[in-house]
Amino acid sequence: MRGITGWRVPGDVALRGGVALRAALTIVVTLLAGSVASHAAAQTKPQTKPQTKPQAPANPRPGSAAPAVPTPEQDRAALTNLLQKRFPALAIDDWSLGSAAFSPGVAVIPLGGANATNVNDILAIGKKAWERPFANGKSLATCFPNGGRRVASNYPQWDPQQNRVVTLEDGINACRVLHGELPFRLDDGLTMGAVSAYLRSLAVGQKLNVRVPPGPARTAYASGREWFGKRLGEKGMACASCHVLQAGGFWDEPDAPGGKRGLSPAVGQVLAWPRVEAGGRVRSLHQQFQRCMTRTGAEPFASGSPIFAEIEYFLANSSNGLTIRGAIPAH
């Protein structure tokens, strides 16, 4: 396991950590209350060892009211405002490049570029699978409006029939099952990875527009928000520890250019996935969630788990209005 070491953070954030950010995050206090408070306490006393297997919060009954937290719109505005002050020279829309916007020596290769062979190959594989007829003559392309064009801009979404958050990958597998086909494995880069990358490529240039309607959807959103700010594992770190408190800084990774990897901001983060890595491997957003949990010393949840879907729902809403760029090659 490769831990996070050697923080490089902008300005004097590392010194002011808990105190300054506690004031700056007043509007999103329920998101990071535990994370910020424990961050400040860590400066003065050692932490007790946290759980390595976090227990999911009790799920309210369907139809119950969501917890009294800021609205999704207030969350998005507060997080954007906080991060914009941190990165005044960087356009907000560039946050959708993820860590590539901050990693030293990393240039994002546009789709179709001469050096993006792996990405183009993956998209070609995904296109073939997308259009390939099922045994009944239907295809993935027939399950979605306009053959799938622009639909990725509305995922993940709340499904009132299933009473849960449905990701784009859920939608792909639901189509296959509906037509008598076996679902793709979520961790298979040459099936689900390639198809989801291709489907997202059909929405390149669109603005993310994820809706969180009142009612049970707000409860799922609040759950994802809570998990994003929950400290886990032996290192006692939350998603927010890196992607809010330390966003724009760096952590040591020997395989990265210059030995450092940038820490992407929470706003825009979901738009930087899937990633096509060297050799054509596709890494999904949920696989990245798993990698981050492993780095904290926590046991990862399964790809496609309700908790990961709810975290994705929270992050997607926080990224509404940013531009979809399609699969980004990792370096």
C-alpha atoms as a PDB file:
ATOM      1  CA  MET A   1       0.000   0.000   0.000  1.00  0.00           C
ATOM      2  CA  ARG A   2       1.311   3.412  -0.960  1.00  0.00           C
ATOM      3  CA  GLY A   3       0.455   5.996   1.689  1.00  0.00           C
ATOM      4  CA  ILE A   4       0.110   9.727   1.339  1.00  0.00           C
ATOM      5  CA  THR A   5       3.274  11.513   2.371  1.00  0.00           C
ATOM      6  CA  GLY A   6       5.166  14.729   1.758  1.00  0.00           C
ATOM      7  CA  TRP A   7       2.285  17.219   1.545  1.00  0.00           C
ATOM      8  CA  ARG A   8       2.873  20.222  -0.699  1.00  0.00           C
ATOM      9  CA  VAL A   9       0.032  22.653  -0.110  1.00  0.00           C
ATOM     10  CA  PRO A  10      -0.471  26.196  -1.375  1.00  0.00           C
ATOM     11  CA  GLY A  11       0.322  29.193   0.813  1.00  0.00           C
ATOM     12  CA  ASP A  12       0.147  28.649   4.538  1.00  0.00           C
ATOM     13  CA  VAL A  13      -2.800  26.228   4.441  1.00  0.00           C
ATOM     14  CA  ALA A  14      -0.719  23.500   6.059  1.00  0.00           C
ATOM     15  CA  LEU A  15      -0.009  25.753   9.056  1.00  0.00           C
ATOM     16  CA  ARG A  16      -3.465  27.237   9.409  1.00  0.00           C
ATOM     17  CA  GLY A  17      -5.322  23.956   8.535  1.00  0.00           C
ATOM     18  CA  GLY A  18      -8.196  23.446  10.971  1.00  0.00           C
ATOM     19  CA  VAL A  19      -8.647  27.018  12.269  1.00  0.00           C
ATOM     20  CA  ALA A  20      -8.790  28.830   8.935  1.00  0.00           C
ATOM     21  CA  LEU A  21     -10.786  26.187   7.163  1.00  0.00           C
ATOM     22  CA  ARG A  22     -13.259  25.848   9.995  1.00  0.00           C
ATOM     23  CA  ALA A  23     -14.118  29.529   9.486  1.00  0.00           C
ATOM     24  CA  ALA A  24     -14.111  29.253   5.684  1.00  0.00           C
ATOM     25  CA  LEU A  25     -16.398  26.232   5.694  1.00  0.00           C
ATOM     26  CA  THR A  26     -19.177  27.655   7.865  1.00  0.00           C
ATOM     27  CA  ILE A  27     -21.809  27.035   5.196  1.00  0.00           C
ATOM     28  CA  VAL A  28     -20.697  23.431   4.668  1.00  0.00           C
ATOM     29  CA  VAL A  29     -20.109  22.665   8.336  1.00  0.00           C
ATOM     30  CA  THR A  30     -22.222  19.522   8.258  1.00  0.00           C
ATOM     31  CA  LEU A  31     -20.123  18.201   5.403  1.00  0.00           C
ATOM     32  CA  LEU A  32     -16.783  18.617   7.107  1.00  0.00           C
ATOM     33  CA  ALA A  33     -17.627  19.138  10.769  1.00  0.00           C
ATOM     34  CA  GLY A  34     -16.031  15.896  11.857  1.00  0.00           C
ATOM     35  CA  SER A  35     -13.235  16.147   9.308  1.00  0.00           C
ATOM     36  CA  VAL A  36     -12.246  19.739  10.121  1.00  0.00           C
ATOM     37  CA  ALA A  37     -12.562  19.305  13.869  1.00  0.00           C
ATOM     38  CA  SER A  38     -10.439  16.176  13.884  1.00  0.00           C
ATOM     39  CA  HIS A  39      -7.950  17.884  11.553  1.00  0.00           C
ATOM     40  CA  ALA A  40      -7.534  20.693  14.091  1.00  0.00           C
ATOM     41  CA  ALA A  41      -7.361  18.283  17.030  1.00  0.00           C
ATOM     42  CA  ALA A  42      -4.666  16.291  15.285  1.00  0.00           C
ATOM     43  CA  GLN A  43      -2.356  19.298  15.571  1.00  0.00           C
ATOM     44  CA  THR A  44      -2.357  19.028  19.388  1.00  0.00           C
ATOM     45  CA  LYS A  45      -2.985  15.424  20.409  1.00  0.00           C
ATOM     46  CA  PRO A  46      -2.749  11.958  18.883  1.00  0.00           C
ATOM     47  CA  GLN A  47      -5.835  10.376  17.434  1.00  0.00           C
ATOM     48  CA  THR A  48      -7.278   7.091  18.555  1.00  0.00           C
ATOM     49  CA  LYS A  49      -7.148   4.407  15.929  1.00  0.00           C
ATOM     50  CA  PRO A  50     -10.270   4.646  13.756  1.00  0.00           C
ATOM     51  CA  GLN A  51     -12.277   1.761  12.395  1.00  0.00           C
ATOM     52  CA  THR A  52     -10.893  -0.017   9.363  1.00  0.00           C
ATOM     53  CA  LYS A  53     -14.360  -1.307   8.484  1.00  0.00           C
ATOM     54  CA  PRO A  54     -16.740   1.675   8.738  1.00  0.00           C
ATOM     55  CA  GLN A  55     -20.354   0.949   9.495  1.00  0.00           C
ATOM     56  CA  ALA A  56     -22.933   2.436   7.179  1.00  0.00           C
ATOM     57  CA  PRO A  57     -25.312   4.930   8.772  1.00  0.00           C
ATOM     58  CA  ALA A  58     -28.826   3.702   9.429  1.00  0.00           C
ATOM     59  CA  ASN A  59     -30.955   4.162   6.339  1.00  0.00           C
ATOM     60  CA  PRO A  60     -34.198   6.046   6.948  1.00  0.00           C
ATOM     61  CA  ARG A  61     -37.401   4.532   5.679  1.00  0.00           C
ATOM     62  CA  PRO A  62     -38.287   5.315   2.040  1.00  0.00           C
ATOM     63  CA  GLY A  63     -40.050   8.606   1.802  1.00  0.00           C
ATOM     64  CA  SER A  64     -38.676  10.023   5.050  1.00  0.00           C
ATOM     65  CA  ALA A  65     -37.358  13.568   5.150  1.00  0.00           C
ATOM     66  CA  ALA A  66     -33.698  14.205   4.440  1.00  0.00           C
ATOM     67  CA  PRO A  67     -31.481  15.447   7.309  1.00  0.00           C
ATOM     68  CA  ALA A  68     -31.419  19.189   7.952  1.00  0.00           C
ATOM     69  CA  VAL A  69     -28.351  20.056   5.886  1.00  0.00           C
ATOM     70  CA  PRO A  70     -27.664  22.800   3.343  1.00  0.00           C
ATOM     71  CA  THR A  71     -29.387  22.304   0.000  1.00  0.00           C
ATOM     72  CA  PRO A  72     -27.390  20.804  -2.884  1.00  0.00           C
ATOM     73  CA  GLU A  73     -27.298  24.248  -4.486  1.00  0.00           C
ATOM     74  CA  GLN A  74     -25.878  25.813  -1.318  1.00  0.00           C
ATOM     75  CA  ASP A  75     -23.275  23.045  -1.055  1.00  0.00           C
ATOM     76  CA  ARG A  76     -22.154  23.564  -4.642  1.00  0.00           C
ATOM     77  CA  ALA A  77     -21.910  27.338  -4.252  1.00  0.00           C
ATOM     78  CA  ALA A  78     -20.016  27.097  -0.966  1.00  0.00           C
ATOM     79  CA  LEU A  79     -17.506  24.519  -2.182  1.00  0.00           C
ATOM     80  CA  THR A  80     -16.954  26.371  -5.458  1.00  0.00           C
ATOM     81  CA  ASN A  81     -16.414  29.665  -3.643  1.00  0.00           C
ATOM     82  CA  LEU A  82     -13.948  28.108  -1.198  1.00  0.00           C
ATOM     83  CA  LEU A  83     -11.926  26.370  -3.904  1.00  0.00           C
ATOM     84  CA  GLN A  84     -11.991  29.356  -6.237  1.00  0.00           C
ATOM     85  CA  LYS A  85     -10.286  31.427  -3.552  1.00  0.00           C
ATOM     86  CA  ARG A  86      -7.658  28.691  -3.320  1.00  0.00           C
ATOM     87  CA  PHE A  87      -7.003  28.636  -7.091  1.00  0.00           C
ATOM     88  CA  PRO A  88      -7.708  32.185  -8.352  1.00  0.00           C
ATOM     89  CA  ALA A  89      -5.573  31.741 -11.475  1.00  0.00           C
ATOM     90  CA  LEU A  90      -7.266  28.505 -12.594  1.00  0.00           C
ATOM     91  CA  ALA A  91     -10.551  28.567 -14.515  1.00  0.00           C
ATOM     92  CA  ILE A  92     -13.293  26.663 -12.702  1.00  0.00           C
ATOM     93  CA  ASP A  93     -14.042  24.608 -15.807  1.00  0.00           C
ATOM     94  CA  ASP A  94     -10.453  23.312 -15.747  1.00  0.00           C
ATOM     95  CA  TRP A  95     -11.187  21.591 -12.444  1.00  0.00           C
ATOM     96  CA  SER A  96     -12.837  18.849 -14.507  1.00  0.00           C
ATOM     97  CA  LEU A  97      -9.328  17.806 -15.585  1.00  0.00           C
ATOM     98  CA  GLY A  98      -8.851  16.470 -12.056  1.00  0.00           C
ATOM     99  CA  SER A  99      -5.301  15.949 -10.857  1.00  0.00           C
ATOM    100  CA  ALA A 100      -3.977  16.719 -14.351  1.00  0.00           C
ATOM    101  CA  ALA A 101      -4.743  20.374 -13.693  1.00  0.00           C
ATOM    102  CA  PHE A 102      -2.314  20.396 -10.766  1.00  0.00           C
ATOM    103  CA  SER A 103       0.280  17.661 -11.373  1.00  0.00           C
ATOM    104  CA  PRO A 104       3.716  19.000 -12.358  1.00  0.00           C
ATOM    105  CA  GLY A 105       4.853  18.111 -15.856  1.00  0.00           C
ATOM    106  CA  VAL A 106       1.470  16.697 -16.907  1.00  0.00           C
ATOM    107  CA  ALA A 107      -0.192  17.818 -20.106  1.00  0.00           C
ATOM    108  CA  VAL A 108      -3.698  16.629 -20.945  1.00  0.00           C
ATOM    109  CA  ILE A 109      -3.736  15.024 -24.392  1.00  0.00           C
ATOM    110  CA  PRO A 110      -6.908  15.853 -26.346  1.00  0.00           C
ATOM    111  CA  LEU A 111      -9.018  12.999 -27.658  1.00  0.00           C
ATOM    112  CA  GLY A 112      -7.846  12.098 -31.138  1.00  0.00           C
ATOM    113  CA  GLY A 113      -4.335  13.349 -30.439  1.00  0.00           C
ATOM    114  CA  ALA A 114      -1.387  11.416 -31.813  1.00  0.00           C
ATOM    115  CA  ASN A 115      -0.307  10.369 -28.320  1.00  0.00           C
ATOM    116  CA  ALA A 116      -3.768   9.266 -27.189  1.00  0.00           C
ATOM    117  CA  THR A 117      -3.615   5.880 -28.932  1.00  0.00           C
ATOM    118  CA  ASN A 118      -4.755   3.983 -25.856  1.00  0.00           C
ATOM    119  CA  VAL A 119      -7.765   6.238 -25.425  1.00  0.00           C
ATOM    120  CA  ASN A 120      -8.771   5.974 -29.069  1.00  0.00           C
ATOM    121  CA  ASP A 121      -8.413   2.188 -28.969  1.00  0.00           C
ATOM    122  CA  ILE A 122     -10.583   1.955 -25.853  1.00  0.00           C
ATOM    123  CA  LEU A 123     -13.250   4.185 -27.404  1.00  0.00           C
ATOM    124  CA  ALA A 124     -13.252   2.032 -30.566  1.00  0.00           C
ATOM    125  CA  ILE A 125     -13.755  -1.106 -28.456  1.00  0.00           C
ATOM    126  CA  GLY A 126     -16.544   0.605 -26.534  1.00  0.00           C
ATOM    127  CA  LYS A 127     -18.264   1.764 -29.738  1.00  0.00           C
ATOM    128  CA  LYS A 128     -18.341  -1.769 -31.133  1.00  0.00           C
ATOM    129  CA  ALA A 129     -19.831  -3.142 -27.918  1.00  0.00           C
ATOM    130  CA  TRP A 130     -22.336  -0.276 -27.819  1.00  0.00           C
ATOM    131  CA  GLU A 131     -23.617  -1.016 -31.317  1.00  0.00           C
ATOM    132  CA  ARG A 132     -23.320  -4.833 -31.251  1.00  0.00           C
ATOM    133  CA  PRO A 133     -26.773  -6.492 -31.550  1.00  0.00           C
ATOM    134  CA  PHE A 134     -28.048  -8.622 -28.686  1.00  0.00           C
ATOM    135  CA  ALA A 135     -29.571 -12.029 -29.382  1.00  0.00           C
ATOM    136  CA  ASN A 136     -32.984 -10.337 -29.729  1.00  0.00           C
ATOM    137  CA  GLY A 137     -31.689  -7.808 -32.256  1.00  0.00           C
ATOM    138  CA  LYS A 138     -31.646  -4.859 -29.857  1.00  0.00           C
ATOM    139  CA  SER A 139     -28.454  -3.163 -28.650  1.00  0.00           C
ATOM    140  CA  LEU A 140     -27.193  -0.851 -25.939  1.00  0.00           C
ATOM    141  CA  ALA A 141     -27.706   2.038 -28.327  1.00  0.00           C
ATOM    142  CA  THR A 142     -31.466   1.299 -28.515  1.00  0.00           C
ATOM    143  CA  CYS A 143     -31.911   1.605 -24.729  1.00  0.00           C
ATOM    144  CA  PHE A 144     -30.991   5.280 -24.458  1.00  0.00           C
ATOM    145  CA  PRO A 145     -32.482   8.392 -26.084  1.00  0.00           C
ATOM    146  CA  ASN A 146     -30.722   9.608 -29.230  1.00  0.00           C
ATOM    147  CA  GLY A 147     -28.559   6.501 -29.282  1.00  0.00           C
ATOM    148  CA  GLY A 148     -26.880   7.654 -26.067  1.00  0.00           C
ATOM    149  CA  ARG A 149     -25.920  11.151 -27.185  1.00  0.00           C
ATOM    150  CA  ARG A 150     -25.750  13.621 -24.303  1.00  0.00           C
ATOM    151  CA  VAL A 151     -27.262  11.205 -21.754  1.00  0.00           C
ATOM    152  CA  ALA A 152     -24.088  10.986 -19.644  1.00  0.00           C
ATOM    153  CA  SER A 153     -24.622  14.613 -18.652  1.00  0.00           C
ATOM    154  CA  ASN A 154     -27.593  13.540 -16.484  1.00  0.00           C
ATOM    155  CA  TYR A 155     -25.921  10.709 -14.533  1.00  0.00           C
ATOM    156  CA  PRO A 156     -25.922   9.594 -11.787  1.00  0.00           C
ATOM    157  CA  GLN A 157     -29.622  10.074 -11.169  1.00  0.00           C
ATOM    158  CA  TRP A 158     -32.284   9.152  -8.661  1.00  0.00           C
ATOM    159  CA  ASP A 159     -34.556   6.256  -9.666  1.00  0.00           C
ATOM    160  CA  PRO A 160     -37.854   6.479  -7.748  1.00  0.00           C
ATOM    161  CA  GLN A 161     -38.905   2.977  -8.828  1.00  0.00           C
ATOM    162  CA  GLN A 162     -35.758   1.399  -7.378  1.00  0.00           C
ATOM    163  CA  ASN A 163     -35.512   3.986  -4.600  1.00  0.00           C
ATOM    164  CA  ARG A 164     -31.774   4.404  -5.128  1.00  0.00           C
ATOM    165  CA  VAL A 165     -29.092   6.305  -6.986  1.00  0.00           C
ATOM    166  CA  VAL A 166     -28.441   4.856 -10.451  1.00  0.00           C
ATOM    167  CA  THR A 167     -25.026   5.396 -12.048  1.00  0.00           C
ATOM    168  CA  LEU A 168     -24.269   5.377 -15.760  1.00  0.00           C
ATOM    169  CA  GLU A 169     -22.807   1.894 -15.352  1.00  0.00           C
ATOM    170  CA  ASP A 170     -26.025   0.760 -13.657  1.00  0.00           C
ATOM    171  CA  GLY A 171     -27.959   2.010 -16.666  1.00  0.00           C
ATOM    172  CA  ILE A 172     -25.725   0.105 -19.071  1.00  0.00           C
ATOM    173  CA  ASN A 173     -26.153  -3.171 -17.190  1.00  0.00           C
ATOM    174  CA  ALA A 174     -29.894  -2.636 -16.733  1.00  0.00           C
ATOM    175  CA  CYS A 175     -30.217  -2.460 -20.515  1.00  0.00           C
ATOM    176  CA  ARG A 176     -28.296  -5.692 -20.984  1.00  0.00           C
ATOM    177  CA  VAL A 177     -30.331  -7.556 -18.378  1.00  0.00           C
ATOM    178  CA  LEU A 178     -33.605  -6.211 -19.823  1.00  0.00           C
ATOM    179  CA  HIS A 179     -32.727  -7.787 -23.167  1.00  0.00           C
ATOM    180  CA  GLY A 180     -31.588 -11.135 -21.784  1.00  0.00           C
ATOM    181  CA  GLU A 181     -27.846 -10.467 -21.744  1.00  0.00           C
ATOM    182  CA  LEU A 182     -25.459 -10.952 -18.839  1.00  0.00           C
ATOM    183  CA  PRO A 183     -24.362  -7.741 -17.104  1.00  0.00           C
ATOM    184  CA  PHE A 184     -20.816  -6.510 -17.591  1.00  0.00           C
ATOM    185  CA  ARG A 185     -18.407  -6.874 -14.700  1.00  0.00           C
ATOM    186  CA  LEU A 186     -17.888  -3.427 -13.234  1.00  0.00           C
ATOM    187  CA  ASP A 187     -14.122  -3.941 -12.973  1.00  0.00           C
ATOM    188  CA  ASP A 188     -13.669  -5.169 -16.577  1.00  0.00           C
ATOM    189  CA  GLY A 189     -11.952  -2.383 -18.476  1.00  0.00           C
ATOM    190  CA  LEU A 190     -12.523  -3.916 -21.912  1.00  0.00           C
ATOM    191  CA  THR A 191     -16.285  -4.239 -21.468  1.00  0.00           C
ATOM    192  CA  MET A 192     -17.801  -1.903 -18.898  1.00  0.00           C
ATOM    193  CA  GLY A 193     -14.771   0.386 -18.862  1.00  0.00           C
ATOM    194  CA  ALA A 194     -14.693   0.774 -22.639  1.00  0.00           C
ATOM    195  CA  VAL A 195     -18.473   1.137 -23.004  1.00  0.00           C
ATOM    196  CA  SER A 196     -18.823   3.714 -20.214  1.00  0.00           C
ATOM    197  CA  ALA A 197     -15.898   5.693 -21.649  1.00  0.00           C
ATOM    198  CA  TYR A 198     -17.532   5.630 -25.088  1.00  0.00           C
ATOM    199  CA  LEU A 199     -20.943   6.621 -23.718  1.00  0.00           C
ATOM    200  CA  ARG A 200     -19.369   9.553 -21.905  1.00  0.00           C
ATOM    201  CA  SER A 201     -17.589  10.531 -25.115  1.00  0.00           C
ATOM    202  CA  LEU A 202     -21.039  11.038 -26.679  1.00  0.00           C
ATOM    203  CA  ALA A 203     -21.596  13.854 -24.193  1.00  0.00           C
ATOM    204  CA  VAL A 204     -18.257  15.636 -24.609  1.00  0.00           C
ATOM    205  CA  GLY A 205     -18.815  19.388 -24.551  1.00  0.00           C
ATOM    206  CA  GLN A 206     -22.082  19.135 -22.617  1.00  0.00           C
ATOM    207  CA  LYS A 207     -22.516  20.618 -19.158  1.00  0.00           C
ATOM    208  CA  LEU A 208     -23.091  18.232 -16.275  1.00  0.00           C
ATOM    209  CA  ASN A 209     -26.694  18.540 -15.090  1.00  0.00           C
ATOM    210  CA  VAL A 210     -27.446  16.134 -12.242  1.00  0.00           C
ATOM    211  CA  ARG A 211     -30.710  16.639 -10.397  1.00  0.00           C
ATOM    212  CA  VAL A 212     -31.375  15.985  -6.704  1.00  0.00           C
ATOM    213  CA  PRO A 213     -35.152  16.294  -6.327  1.00  0.00           C
ATOM    214  CA  PRO A 214     -36.766  16.803  -2.930  1.00  0.00           C
ATOM    215  CA  GLY A 215     -37.690  13.683  -0.981  1.00  0.00           C
ATOM    216  CA  PRO A 216     -35.781  10.387  -0.752  1.00  0.00           C
ATOM    217  CA  ALA A 217     -33.179  11.586  -3.267  1.00  0.00           C
ATOM    218  CA  ARG A 218     -32.083  14.224  -0.757  1.00  0.00           C
ATOM    219  CA  THR A 219     -31.567  11.473   1.829  1.00  0.00           C
ATOM    220  CA  ALA A 220     -29.269   9.602  -0.584  1.00  0.00           C
ATOM    221  CA  TYR A 221     -27.463  12.862  -1.379  1.00  0.00           C
ATOM    222  CA  ALA A 222     -27.014  13.596   2.344  1.00  0.00           C
ATOM    223  CA  SER A 223     -25.620  10.087   2.859  1.00  0.00           C
ATOM    224  CA  GLY A 224     -23.027  10.600   0.105  1.00  0.00           C
ATOM    225  CA  ARG A 225     -22.174  13.972   1.588  1.00  0.00           C
ATOM    226  CA  GLU A 226     -21.686  12.392   5.015  1.00  0.00           C
ATOM    227  CA  TRP A 227     -19.434   9.637   3.687  1.00  0.00           C
ATOM    228  CA  PHE A 228     -17.359  12.194   1.782  1.00  0.00           C
ATOM    229  CA  GLY A 229     -16.548  13.896   5.092  1.00  0.00           C
ATOM    230  CA  LYS A 230     -16.148  10.738   7.215  1.00  0.00           C
ATOM    231  CA  ARG A 231     -12.630   9.871   8.390  1.00  0.00           C
ATOM    232  CA  LEU A 232     -11.779   6.204   7.753  1.00  0.00           C
ATOM    233  CA  GLY A 233      -8.968   3.712   8.124  1.00  0.00           C
ATOM    234  CA  GLU A 234      -5.738   3.621  10.058  1.00  0.00           C
ATOM    235  CA  LYS A 235      -4.715   7.054   8.745  1.00  0.00           C
ATOM    236  CA  GLY A 236      -8.010   8.626   9.815  1.00  0.00           C
ATOM    237  CA  MET A 237      -8.538  10.419   6.507  1.00  0.00           C
ATOM    238  CA  ALA A 238     -11.709  11.416   4.686  1.00  0.00           C
ATOM    239  CA  CYS A 239     -12.281  12.079   0.996  1.00  0.00           C
ATOM    240  CA  ALA A 240     -12.540  15.738   2.047  1.00  0.00           C
ATOM    241  CA  SER A 241      -9.112  15.577   3.708  1.00  0.00           C
ATOM    242  CA  CYS A 242      -7.478  15.433   0.280  1.00  0.00           C
ATOM    243  CA  HIS A 243     -10.045  16.975  -2.033  1.00  0.00           C
ATOM    244  CA  VAL A 244     -11.143  19.958   0.073  1.00  0.00           C
ATOM    245  CA  LEU A 245      -8.614  20.532   2.862  1.00  0.00           C
ATOM    246  CA  GLN A 246      -5.577  19.735   0.695  1.00  0.00           C
ATOM    247  CA  ALA A 247      -6.984  20.278  -2.811  1.00  0.00           C
ATOM    248  CA  GLY A 248      -4.349  21.679  -5.133  1.00  0.00           C
ATOM    249  CA  GLY A 249      -1.508  20.236  -3.096  1.00  0.00           C
ATOM    250  CA  PHE A 250       0.555  17.176  -3.945  1.00  0.00           C
ATOM    251  CA  TRP A 251       1.272  13.775  -2.497  1.00  0.00           C
ATOM    252  CA  ASP A 252       4.234  11.544  -3.210  1.00  0.00           C
ATOM    253  CA  GLU A 253       3.823   8.861  -5.863  1.00  0.00           C
ATOM    254  CA  PRO A 254       7.036   7.401  -7.311  1.00  0.00           C
ATOM    255  CA  ASP A 255       5.363   6.394 -10.594  1.00  0.00           C
ATOM    256  CA  ALA A 256       3.961   9.869 -11.282  1.00  0.00           C
ATOM    257  CA  PRO A 257       5.818  12.494 -13.359  1.00  0.00           C
ATOM    258  CA  GLY A 258       8.216  14.254 -11.010  1.00  0.00           C
ATOM    259  CA  GLY A 259       7.297  11.806  -8.245  1.00  0.00           C
ATOM    260  CA  LYS A 260       4.238  13.876  -7.299  1.00  0.00           C
ATOM    261  CA  ARG A 261       0.535  13.617  -8.044  1.00  0.00           C
ATOM    262  CA  GLY A 262      -1.801  16.582  -7.806  1.00  0.00           C
ATOM    263  CA  LEU A 263      -4.831  16.458  -5.519  1.00  0.00           C
ATOM    264  CA  SER A 264      -7.946  17.342  -7.460  1.00  0.00           C
ATOM    265  CA  PRO A 265     -10.689  19.544  -5.963  1.00  0.00           C
ATOM    266  CA  ALA A 266     -14.015  17.959  -5.044  1.00  0.00           C
ATOM    267  CA  VAL A 267     -15.789  20.207  -7.561  1.00  0.00           C
ATOM    268  CA  GLY A 268     -15.149  18.757 -11.022  1.00  0.00           C
ATOM    269  CA  GLN A 269     -13.609  15.557  -9.719  1.00  0.00           C
ATOM    270  CA  VAL A 270     -16.200  13.156 -11.154  1.00  0.00           C
ATOM    271  CA  LEU A 271     -15.616  14.554 -14.647  1.00  0.00           C
ATOM    272  CA  ALA A 272     -12.010  13.336 -14.741  1.00  0.00           C
ATOM    273  CA  TRP A 273     -13.104   9.679 -14.926  1.00  0.00           C
ATOM    274  CA  PRO A 274     -12.820   7.130 -16.375  1.00  0.00           C
ATOM    275  CA  ARG A 275      -9.064   7.345 -16.874  1.00  0.00           C
ATOM    276  CA  VAL A 276      -7.223   5.364 -19.519  1.00  0.00           C
ATOM    277  CA  GLU A 277      -3.875   4.356 -18.089  1.00  0.00           C
ATOM    278  CA  ALA A 278      -0.699   3.156 -19.762  1.00  0.00           C
ATOM    279  CA  GLY A 279      -1.343  -0.077 -21.642  1.00  0.00           C
ATOM    280  CA  GLY A 280      -5.027   0.699 -22.145  1.00  0.00           C
ATOM    281  CA  ARG A 281      -6.311  -0.116 -18.651  1.00  0.00           C
ATOM    282  CA  VAL A 282      -9.482   1.791 -17.795  1.00  0.00           C
ATOM    283  CA  ARG A 283      -9.877   2.969 -14.205  1.00  0.00           C
ATOM    284  CA  SER A 284     -13.407   3.889 -13.177  1.00  0.00           C
ATOM    285  CA  LEU A 285     -14.410   6.448 -10.574  1.00  0.00           C
ATOM    286  CA  HIS A 286     -15.422   3.715  -8.133  1.00  0.00           C
ATOM    287  CA  GLN A 287     -12.089   1.955  -8.613  1.00  0.00           C
ATOM    288  CA  GLN A 288     -10.427   5.249  -7.710  1.00  0.00           C
ATOM    289  CA  PHE A 289     -12.607   5.438  -4.593  1.00  0.00           C
ATOM    290  CA  GLN A 290     -11.330   1.960  -3.706  1.00  0.00           C
ATOM    291  CA  ARG A 291      -7.711   2.981  -4.261  1.00  0.00           C
ATOM    292  CA  CYS A 292      -8.151   6.011  -2.004  1.00  0.00           C
ATOM    293  CA  MET A 293      -9.712   3.893   0.757  1.00  0.00           C
ATOM    294  CA  THR A 294      -6.831   1.427   0.566  1.00  0.00           C
ATOM    295  CA  ARG A 295      -4.364   4.287   0.975  1.00  0.00           C
ATOM    296  CA  THR A 296      -6.082   5.315   4.210  1.00  0.00           C
ATOM    297  CA  GLY A 297      -5.885   1.761   5.563  1.00  0.00           C
ATOM    298  CA  ALA A 298      -9.643   1.178   5.233  1.00  0.00           C
ATOM    299  CA  GLU A 299     -11.240  -1.843   3.606  1.00  0.00           C
ATOM    300  CA  PRO A 300     -12.782  -0.621   0.323  1.00  0.00           C
ATOM    301  CA  PHE A 301     -16.448  -1.004  -0.510  1.00  0.00           C
ATOM    302  CA  ALA A 302     -17.343  -2.868  -3.699  1.00  0.00           C
ATOM    303  CA  SER A 303     -17.600  -1.034  -7.023  1.00  0.00           C
ATOM    304  CA  GLY A 304     -21.227  -0.237  -7.607  1.00  0.00           C
ATOM    305  CA  SER A 305     -22.044  -0.270  -3.885  1.00  0.00           C
ATOM    306  CA  PRO A 306     -24.833   2.069  -2.695  1.00  0.00           C
ATOM    307  CA  ILE A 307     -22.318   4.083  -0.647  1.00  0.00           C
ATOM    308  CA  PHE A 308     -20.060   4.724  -3.639  1.00  0.00           C
ATOM    309  CA  ALA A 309     -23.093   5.605  -5.785  1.00  0.00           C
ATOM    310  CA  GLU A 310     -24.226   8.125  -3.166  1.00  0.00           C
ATOM    311  CA  ILE A 311     -20.757   9.683  -2.890  1.00  0.00           C
ATOM    312  CA  GLU A 312     -20.732   9.980  -6.680  1.00  0.00           C
ATOM    313  CA  TYR A 313     -24.194  11.613  -6.512  1.00  0.00           C
ATOM    314  CA  PHE A 314     -22.917  14.225  -4.064  1.00  0.00           C
ATOM    315  CA  LEU A 315     -19.797  14.949  -6.135  1.00  0.00           C
ATOM    316  CA  ALA A 316     -21.738  15.087  -9.404  1.00  0.00           C
ATOM    317  CA  ASN A 317     -24.168  17.645  -8.036  1.00  0.00           C
ATOM    318  CA  SER A 318     -21.204  19.670  -6.757  1.00  0.00           C
ATOM    319  CA  SER A 319     -19.811  19.631 -10.316  1.00  0.00           C
ATOM    320  CA  ASN A 320     -22.979  20.717 -12.116  1.00  0.00           C
ATOM    321  CA  GLY A 321     -22.339  23.213 -14.883  1.00  0.00           C
ATOM    322  CA  LEU A 322     -18.817  22.014 -15.675  1.00  0.00           C
ATOM    323  CA  THR A 323     -17.925  20.626 -19.092  1.00  0.00           C
ATOM    324  CA  ILE A 324     -17.758  16.886 -19.807  1.00  0.00           C
ATOM    325  CA  ARG A 325     -14.458  16.066 -21.485  1.00  0.00           C
ATOM    326  CA  GLY A 326     -14.657  12.317 -22.013  1.00  0.00           C
ATOM    327  CA  ALA A 327     -11.954   9.791 -21.128  1.00  0.00           C
ATOM    328  CA  ILE A 328      -8.724  11.452 -20.003  1.00  0.00           C
ATOM    329  CA  PRO A 329      -5.410   9.622 -20.518  1.00  0.00           C
ATOM    330  CA  ALA A 330      -3.401   9.263 -17.326  1.00  0.00           C
ATOM    331  CA  HIS A 331       0.359   9.775 -17.338  1.00  0.00           C
END
